[in-house]
């Protein structure tokens, strides 16, 4: 076989290998049918005090989607970062690119935070109480969180479905307010007029918030 024919045969072999592979399908099809937005939910806790968030940001390394097995196979698709997400606006830096998701029902999502930054989750805001001046607080952390959402926690048994020739606008919601549920922010000591919550300051409050975040289940859906 001459070199030209050999190269042609190898090209066909590689193409067959790509089509038969169930991972990284965004490299197979030019049809980018899926977008992804990460943002804070609009849920509000009922409490005597009121939290107002001024900033809420996370640094994401990767988001992985896994489909329900069909015909003996399942599919995994990754949105690979790193991305810095403004949870209050849903904006990402850089912008999260569209990707290709194969037709099917998707039952699991995992999100990993970026560990190559100094702070991978940051929130600041104010706490207002009746008859008192608002308190400003800032929360900083760098933790190895893995946020998850699972179809088994839904009535349908899956998170969203990808249908042939239709686009999906996937939304992942973080219940930022629940991260501070039961945390007595007002009890924290102040530094320069702010309550700084980190591993170096107000560690009891820090550990309570970390526990809340670690227990969160993401809400994931197709915004259509």
Protein backbone atom coordinates (compact mmCIF):
# COMPACT_ATOMS: atom_id res chain seq x y z
CA UNK A 1 0.00 0.00 0.00
CA UNK A 2 1.47 3.35 -0.96
CA UNK A 3 1.67 6.28 1.46
CA UNK A 4 -1.37 8.06 -0.02
CA UNK A 5 -3.59 4.99 0.37
CA UNK A 6 -2.22 4.33 3.86
CA UNK A 7 -3.10 7.85 4.99
CA UNK A 8 -6.58 7.47 3.50
CA UNK A 9 -7.13 4.19 5.35
CA UNK A 10 -5.93 5.70 8.62
CA UNK A 11 -8.28 8.65 8.20
CA UNK A 12 -11.25 6.30 7.77
CA UNK A 13 -10.18 4.30 10.83
CA UNK A 14 -9.92 7.41 13.00
CA UNK A 15 -13.30 8.68 11.80
CA UNK A 16 -14.95 5.35 12.68
CA UNK A 17 -13.30 5.45 16.09
CA UNK A 18 -14.65 8.95 16.77
CA UNK A 19 -18.20 8.08 15.78
CA UNK A 20 -18.28 4.99 17.97
CA UNK A 21 -16.94 6.78 21.05
CA UNK A 22 -19.54 7.82 23.63
CA UNK A 23 -17.33 10.34 25.45
CA UNK A 24 -16.57 13.92 24.42
CA UNK A 25 -19.28 13.88 21.77
CA UNK A 26 -18.88 17.62 21.32
CA UNK A 27 -15.84 16.78 19.19
CA UNK A 28 -17.92 14.55 16.89
CA UNK A 29 -20.77 16.75 15.70
CA UNK A 30 -20.63 20.35 14.51
CA UNK A 31 -24.19 20.73 15.79
CA UNK A 32 -23.73 22.59 19.08
CA UNK A 33 -27.17 22.06 20.57
CA UNK A 34 -26.62 22.81 24.28
CA UNK A 35 -25.91 25.97 26.25
CA UNK A 36 -25.19 26.17 29.97
CA UNK A 37 -25.96 28.93 32.50
CA UNK A 38 -25.02 28.90 36.19
CA UNK A 39 -26.79 31.32 38.52
CA UNK A 40 -28.25 31.88 41.98
CA UNK A 41 -31.83 30.73 42.52
CA UNK A 42 -34.60 33.14 43.37
CA UNK A 43 -35.62 31.21 46.50
CA UNK A 44 -35.91 33.30 49.65
CA UNK A 45 -35.82 32.09 53.22
CA UNK A 46 -38.31 33.47 55.74
CA UNK A 47 -36.36 34.97 58.60
CA UNK A 48 -36.44 37.89 61.01
CA UNK A 49 -33.29 39.19 59.35
CA UNK A 50 -32.86 39.90 55.67
CA UNK A 51 -29.81 39.07 53.58
CA UNK A 52 -28.95 41.15 50.55
CA UNK A 53 -26.26 39.78 48.27
CA UNK A 54 -24.02 42.26 46.48
CA UNK A 55 -21.64 39.73 44.94
CA UNK A 56 -21.59 35.95 44.62
CA UNK A 57 -18.96 34.29 42.47
CA UNK A 58 -17.54 30.81 41.95
CA UNK A 59 -14.61 29.49 39.93
CA UNK A 60 -15.56 26.31 38.07
CA UNK A 61 -13.10 23.77 36.70
CA UNK A 62 -15.52 21.40 34.97
CA UNK A 63 -19.19 20.49 34.59
CA UNK A 64 -19.97 16.90 33.62
CA UNK A 65 -23.28 15.52 32.34
CA UNK A 66 -24.18 11.83 32.29
CA UNK A 67 -27.12 10.31 30.44
CA UNK A 68 -29.36 7.41 31.38
CA UNK A 69 -28.09 4.19 29.83
CA UNK A 70 -29.83 3.28 26.58
CA UNK A 71 -29.10 0.36 24.30
CA UNK A 72 -26.31 -0.67 26.66
CA UNK A 73 -24.50 2.65 26.48
CA UNK A 74 -24.50 5.99 28.26
CA UNK A 75 -22.93 9.31 27.38
CA UNK A 76 -20.72 11.70 29.29
CA UNK A 77 -20.20 15.25 28.10
CA UNK A 78 -17.97 17.83 29.78
CA UNK A 79 -18.00 21.61 29.75
CA UNK A 80 -14.34 22.20 30.59
CA UNK A 81 -13.25 25.43 32.27
CA UNK A 82 -11.92 27.17 34.10
CA UNK A 83 -14.83 29.63 34.26
CA UNK A 84 -15.47 32.45 36.70
CA UNK A 85 -19.22 32.69 37.24
CA UNK A 86 -21.10 35.71 38.56
CA UNK A 87 -24.04 33.92 40.19
CA UNK A 88 -26.13 37.09 40.49
CA UNK A 89 -26.11 37.71 36.73
CA UNK A 90 -25.26 34.29 35.30
CA UNK A 91 -22.38 35.82 33.37
CA UNK A 92 -19.24 33.73 32.85
CA UNK A 93 -15.62 34.74 32.17
CA UNK A 94 -14.72 33.39 29.72
CA UNK A 95 -18.14 32.68 28.23
CA UNK A 96 -19.17 29.03 28.53
CA UNK A 97 -19.15 27.67 24.96
CA UNK A 98 -22.08 25.77 23.52
CA UNK A 99 -21.57 22.03 23.24
CA UNK A 100 -23.12 18.93 21.71
CA UNK A 101 -25.28 16.60 23.80
CA UNK A 102 -26.54 13.38 22.26
CA UNK A 103 -30.25 12.66 22.21
CA UNK A 104 -31.39 11.11 25.47
CA UNK A 105 -32.36 11.70 29.07
CA UNK A 106 -29.67 13.02 31.40
CA UNK A 107 -29.72 11.82 34.99
CA UNK A 108 -26.63 13.24 36.67
CA UNK A 109 -24.60 16.44 36.74
CA UNK A 110 -21.36 17.00 38.64
CA UNK A 111 -19.59 20.32 39.03
CA UNK A 112 -16.03 20.72 40.30
CA UNK A 113 -14.58 23.98 41.56
CA UNK A 114 -11.23 25.31 40.38
CA UNK A 115 -8.49 24.62 42.94
CA UNK A 116 -5.85 26.66 41.10
CA UNK A 117 -7.14 30.00 42.36
CA UNK A 118 -6.69 31.66 45.73
CA UNK A 119 -10.45 31.86 46.39
CA UNK A 120 -12.90 29.68 44.47
CA UNK A 121 -16.11 30.83 46.15
CA UNK A 122 -16.86 34.36 47.32
CA UNK A 123 -19.99 36.07 48.64
CA UNK A 124 -20.49 39.51 50.08
CA UNK A 125 -23.59 41.34 51.16
CA UNK A 126 -25.47 42.97 53.99
CA UNK A 127 -27.55 41.69 56.86
CA UNK A 128 -30.47 43.89 57.92
CA UNK A 129 -32.29 43.50 61.23
CA UNK A 130 -35.19 45.51 62.63
CA UNK A 131 -33.95 48.51 64.61
CA UNK A 132 -30.29 47.97 63.76
CA UNK A 133 -27.81 49.28 61.24
CA UNK A 134 -27.14 46.88 58.31
CA UNK A 135 -24.06 44.72 58.76
CA UNK A 136 -21.66 44.13 55.88
CA UNK A 137 -20.21 40.63 55.57
CA UNK A 138 -17.75 38.90 53.25
CA UNK A 139 -17.30 35.15 52.87
CA UNK A 140 -14.19 33.66 51.26
CA UNK A 141 -13.27 30.03 50.76
CA UNK A 142 -11.17 27.65 48.76
CA UNK A 143 -12.65 24.19 49.15
CA UNK A 144 -12.78 20.99 47.12
CA UNK A 145 -16.54 21.08 46.58
CA UNK A 146 -18.30 18.78 44.14
CA UNK A 147 -21.83 20.02 43.52
CA UNK A 148 -24.26 17.39 42.21
CA UNK A 149 -27.76 16.99 40.87
CA UNK A 150 -29.35 13.57 40.34
CA UNK A 151 -32.41 12.51 38.43
CA UNK A 152 -33.44 10.13 41.18
CA UNK A 153 -34.34 13.19 43.25
CA UNK A 154 -36.94 14.28 40.68
CA UNK A 155 -40.40 12.94 39.82
CA UNK A 156 -39.40 12.14 36.24
CA UNK A 157 -36.25 10.25 37.19
CA UNK A 158 -34.06 12.47 35.01
CA UNK A 159 -32.95 16.11 35.00
CA UNK A 160 -33.62 17.08 31.39
CA UNK A 161 -34.04 15.48 27.98
CA UNK A 162 -32.31 16.17 24.70
CA UNK A 163 -34.58 15.71 21.67
CA UNK A 164 -33.49 15.37 18.05
CA UNK A 165 -33.16 18.70 16.21
CA UNK A 166 -33.93 20.77 19.32
CA UNK A 167 -31.64 22.93 21.42
CA UNK A 168 -31.41 22.74 25.20
CA UNK A 169 -30.69 25.71 27.45
CA UNK A 170 -29.46 24.06 30.63
CA UNK A 171 -29.70 26.10 33.82
CA UNK A 172 -27.92 25.16 37.06
CA UNK A 173 -29.20 27.02 40.11
CA UNK A 174 -27.35 27.53 43.39
CA UNK A 175 -29.45 28.35 46.44
CA UNK A 176 -27.01 30.93 47.78
CA UNK A 177 -29.36 32.07 50.52
CA UNK A 178 -29.53 28.55 51.97
CA UNK A 179 -25.75 28.60 52.43
CA UNK A 180 -26.31 31.05 55.27
CA UNK A 181 -29.37 29.34 56.80
CA UNK A 182 -29.07 29.11 60.58
CA UNK A 183 -25.78 31.05 60.58
CA UNK A 184 -25.73 33.90 63.08
CA UNK A 185 -23.71 36.33 60.99
CA UNK A 186 -24.37 39.14 63.46
CA UNK A 187 -22.37 37.25 66.11
CA UNK A 188 -19.17 37.53 64.09
CA UNK A 189 -16.38 39.86 65.04
CA UNK A 190 -15.80 42.81 62.72
CA UNK A 191 -12.64 43.90 60.95
CA UNK A 192 -12.61 47.45 59.58
CA UNK A 193 -16.38 47.56 59.93
CA UNK A 194 -16.98 44.25 58.08
CA UNK A 195 -17.62 40.72 59.25
CA UNK A 196 -14.99 38.70 57.38
CA UNK A 197 -15.78 34.97 57.28
CA UNK A 198 -12.91 32.72 56.22
CA UNK A 199 -10.53 30.07 57.54
CA UNK A 200 -8.62 32.87 59.24
CA UNK A 201 -11.57 34.83 60.67
CA UNK A 202 -14.84 33.81 62.35
CA UNK A 203 -14.06 30.13 61.84
CA UNK A 204 -17.23 28.93 63.59
CA UNK A 205 -19.38 30.84 61.10
CA UNK A 206 -17.14 29.62 58.29
CA UNK A 207 -17.59 25.96 59.23
CA UNK A 208 -21.37 26.37 59.47
CA UNK A 209 -21.55 27.89 55.97
CA UNK A 210 -19.24 25.22 54.53
CA UNK A 211 -21.50 22.52 55.97
CA UNK A 212 -24.55 24.11 54.33
CA UNK A 213 -22.81 24.39 50.97
CA UNK A 214 -21.52 20.82 51.16
CA UNK A 215 -25.08 19.53 51.64
CA UNK A 216 -26.60 21.49 48.74
CA UNK A 217 -28.19 19.67 45.83
CA UNK A 218 -28.17 21.68 42.63
CA UNK A 219 -31.36 22.38 40.70
CA UNK A 220 -30.81 21.60 37.00
CA UNK A 221 -33.36 22.01 34.22
CA UNK A 222 -33.88 22.90 30.57
CA UNK A 223 -35.08 26.50 30.39
CA UNK A 224 -36.50 25.88 26.87
